[in-house]
Protein backbone atom coordinates (compact mmCIF):
# COMPACT_ATOMS: atom_id res chain seq x y z
CA UNK A 1 16.61 -126.34 3.42
CA UNK A 2 17.88 -129.04 6.25
CA UNK A 3 15.11 -129.12 9.23
CA UNK A 4 15.04 -125.34 9.20
CA UNK A 5 14.31 -123.04 12.39
CA UNK A 6 12.17 -119.97 11.96
CA UNK A 7 11.74 -116.92 14.01
CA UNK A 8 9.41 -113.97 13.40
CA UNK A 9 8.15 -110.64 14.82
CA UNK A 10 5.18 -108.24 13.62
CA UNK A 11 6.38 -104.63 13.34
CA UNK A 12 4.04 -101.79 12.97
CA UNK A 13 5.79 -99.62 10.40
CA UNK A 14 5.98 -98.73 6.82
CA UNK A 15 7.91 -101.28 4.71
CA UNK A 16 10.32 -98.41 3.61
CA UNK A 17 11.42 -98.13 7.10
CA UNK A 18 11.60 -101.64 7.84
CA UNK A 19 13.59 -102.51 4.79
CA UNK A 20 16.04 -99.91 5.38
CA UNK A 21 16.84 -100.78 8.93
CA UNK A 22 17.20 -104.38 7.67
CA UNK A 23 19.57 -103.58 4.80
CA UNK A 24 21.73 -100.38 5.63
CA UNK A 25 24.90 -100.93 7.35
CA UNK A 26 24.45 -97.99 9.49
CA UNK A 27 21.12 -99.41 10.88
CA UNK A 28 22.57 -103.32 11.04
CA UNK A 29 25.11 -101.99 13.58
CA UNK A 30 22.78 -100.62 15.75
CA UNK A 31 20.60 -103.78 15.98
CA UNK A 32 22.49 -106.76 15.28
CA UNK A 33 23.23 -108.25 18.44
CA UNK A 34 21.84 -111.06 20.72
CA UNK A 35 22.32 -109.31 24.19
CA UNK A 36 23.44 -105.95 25.30
CA UNK A 37 27.10 -107.02 25.99
CA UNK A 38 27.44 -107.67 22.22
CA UNK A 39 27.49 -104.98 19.31
CA UNK A 40 28.38 -105.17 15.58
CA UNK A 41 31.11 -102.70 15.16
CA UNK A 42 31.42 -103.39 11.34
CA UNK A 43 28.92 -103.99 8.41
CA UNK A 44 28.99 -103.65 4.85
CA UNK A 45 26.45 -104.79 2.67
CA UNK A 46 26.09 -105.13 -1.33
CA UNK A 47 22.40 -105.97 -1.32
CA UNK A 48 21.75 -107.45 -4.85
CA UNK A 49 21.53 -111.03 -6.33
CA UNK A 50 25.32 -111.99 -6.33
CA UNK A 51 26.22 -109.10 -3.94
CA UNK A 52 27.98 -109.85 -0.63
CA UNK A 53 27.48 -108.95 2.95
CA UNK A 54 29.88 -108.87 6.16
CA UNK A 55 28.93 -108.21 9.81
CA UNK A 56 31.69 -108.40 12.71
CA UNK A 57 29.67 -109.21 15.67
CA UNK A 58 31.79 -108.91 19.12
CA UNK A 59 31.71 -109.04 22.58
CA UNK A 60 31.84 -105.47 24.20
CA UNK A 61 34.60 -106.33 26.33
CA UNK A 62 36.76 -107.55 23.58
CA UNK A 63 36.80 -111.47 24.57
CA UNK A 64 35.24 -112.64 21.47
CA UNK A 65 34.30 -111.68 18.04
CA UNK A 66 33.19 -113.29 14.55
CA UNK A 67 32.38 -112.38 11.28
CA UNK A 68 29.00 -113.27 9.49
CA UNK A 69 29.64 -113.24 5.66
CA UNK A 70 27.82 -114.53 2.79
CA UNK A 71 26.20 -113.98 -0.73
CA UNK A 72 22.79 -112.87 -1.76
CA UNK A 73 20.93 -115.37 -3.90
CA UNK A 74 17.73 -113.77 -4.37
CA UNK A 75 16.70 -110.04 -3.42
CA UNK A 76 12.88 -108.84 -3.97
CA UNK A 77 12.76 -105.26 -2.53
CA UNK A 78 10.18 -104.89 0.23
CA UNK A 79 9.46 -108.84 0.12
CA UNK A 80 12.19 -111.38 0.24
CA UNK A 81 16.11 -111.73 0.90
CA UNK A 82 17.71 -115.26 0.56
CA UNK A 83 21.37 -115.54 0.98
CA UNK A 84 24.12 -118.50 1.57
CA UNK A 85 26.30 -117.96 4.55
CA UNK A 86 30.14 -118.55 4.06
CA UNK A 87 31.63 -121.65 5.59
CA UNK A 88 32.04 -125.31 5.03
CA UNK A 89 28.04 -126.10 5.81
CA UNK A 90 26.72 -123.08 3.40
CA UNK A 91 23.76 -122.61 5.52
CA UNK A 92 20.69 -120.81 3.66
CA UNK A 93 18.71 -117.92 5.17
CA UNK A 94 15.50 -116.62 3.82
CA UNK A 95 13.85 -113.17 5.16
CA UNK A 96 10.43 -112.62 4.25
CA UNK A 97 8.53 -109.45 4.76
CA UNK A 98 4.80 -110.03 4.40
CA UNK A 99 1.86 -107.16 5.05
CA UNK A 100 -0.06 -107.83 7.96
CA UNK A 101 -3.08 -105.53 9.53
CA UNK A 102 -1.21 -102.22 10.62
CA UNK A 103 2.09 -103.46 9.71
CA UNK A 104 4.52 -106.27 8.29
CA UNK A 105 5.33 -109.69 9.60
CA UNK A 106 9.14 -110.52 9.30
CA UNK A 107 10.12 -114.07 9.29
CA UNK A 108 13.52 -115.46 8.96
CA UNK A 109 13.99 -119.22 8.18
CA UNK A 110 17.45 -120.61 8.52
CA UNK A 111 19.19 -123.94 8.38
CA UNK A 112 20.91 -124.73 11.63
CA UNK A 113 24.48 -125.02 12.36
CA UNK A 114 25.72 -128.24 13.97
CA UNK A 115 27.28 -126.89 17.34
CA UNK A 116 24.75 -125.36 19.56
CA UNK A 117 21.55 -126.86 20.52
CA UNK A 118 18.34 -126.02 18.30
CA UNK A 119 16.61 -123.93 21.27
CA UNK A 120 19.74 -121.90 21.64
CA UNK A 121 20.19 -120.99 18.23
CA UNK A 122 16.47 -120.24 17.88
CA UNK A 123 16.89 -117.91 21.20
CA UNK A 124 19.66 -116.13 19.81
CA UNK A 125 17.89 -115.39 16.06
CA UNK A 126 14.76 -114.46 18.15
CA UNK A 127 16.61 -111.96 20.56
CA UNK A 128 18.36 -110.32 17.58
CA UNK A 129 15.12 -109.94 15.52
CA UNK A 130 13.45 -108.46 18.68
CA UNK A 131 16.45 -105.91 18.67
CA UNK A 132 15.58 -105.25 15.32
CA UNK A 133 12.07 -104.50 15.88
CA UNK A 134 12.95 -102.13 18.71
CA UNK A 135 15.46 -100.24 16.51
CA UNK A 136 12.70 -99.88 14.18
CA UNK A 137 10.14 -98.38 16.26
CA UNK A 138 12.43 -95.91 18.03
C-alpha cells in the first residue's frame, strides 16, 4: 500500500451482528455516508474472493452523487476483507475485525487518493465508520 491511511473503532457487539451490518446491502445503505445530508440509495454486494460490490453515494438534495465500486481480493469471514476500488489508481482497502475485550475492533486501512488532503480523507472515512458503529449499536 502507498502511504496508507488507517481509521478504527471499537464496537461492543457480537461479530455476527457487526459482519452482517458491514456486508449486507440493506445495512450498507443505512450507514454508508459521512454526513447526514448524504445517503446511500443503492448497494449491491457479492461478498466472495473475486466478487464485486457497488454503492451509490448521493447528496440528499440531488446535487451530487458517485458510485464506489470494486472487486474483492480476499474475504475471510468474521476476520478480514480486502478489495481494490475501480478506477485508474486501483486503490486497495483492508478491513479487519479483531476481537477485543467486550467486542471487536474494526480497522480500515486504505490507499489515499490524490485529490483531497489526507486529513480530509481520514476524517471522511472515520465519519463513515462512526456511522457504522451507531448503526450496529441501534
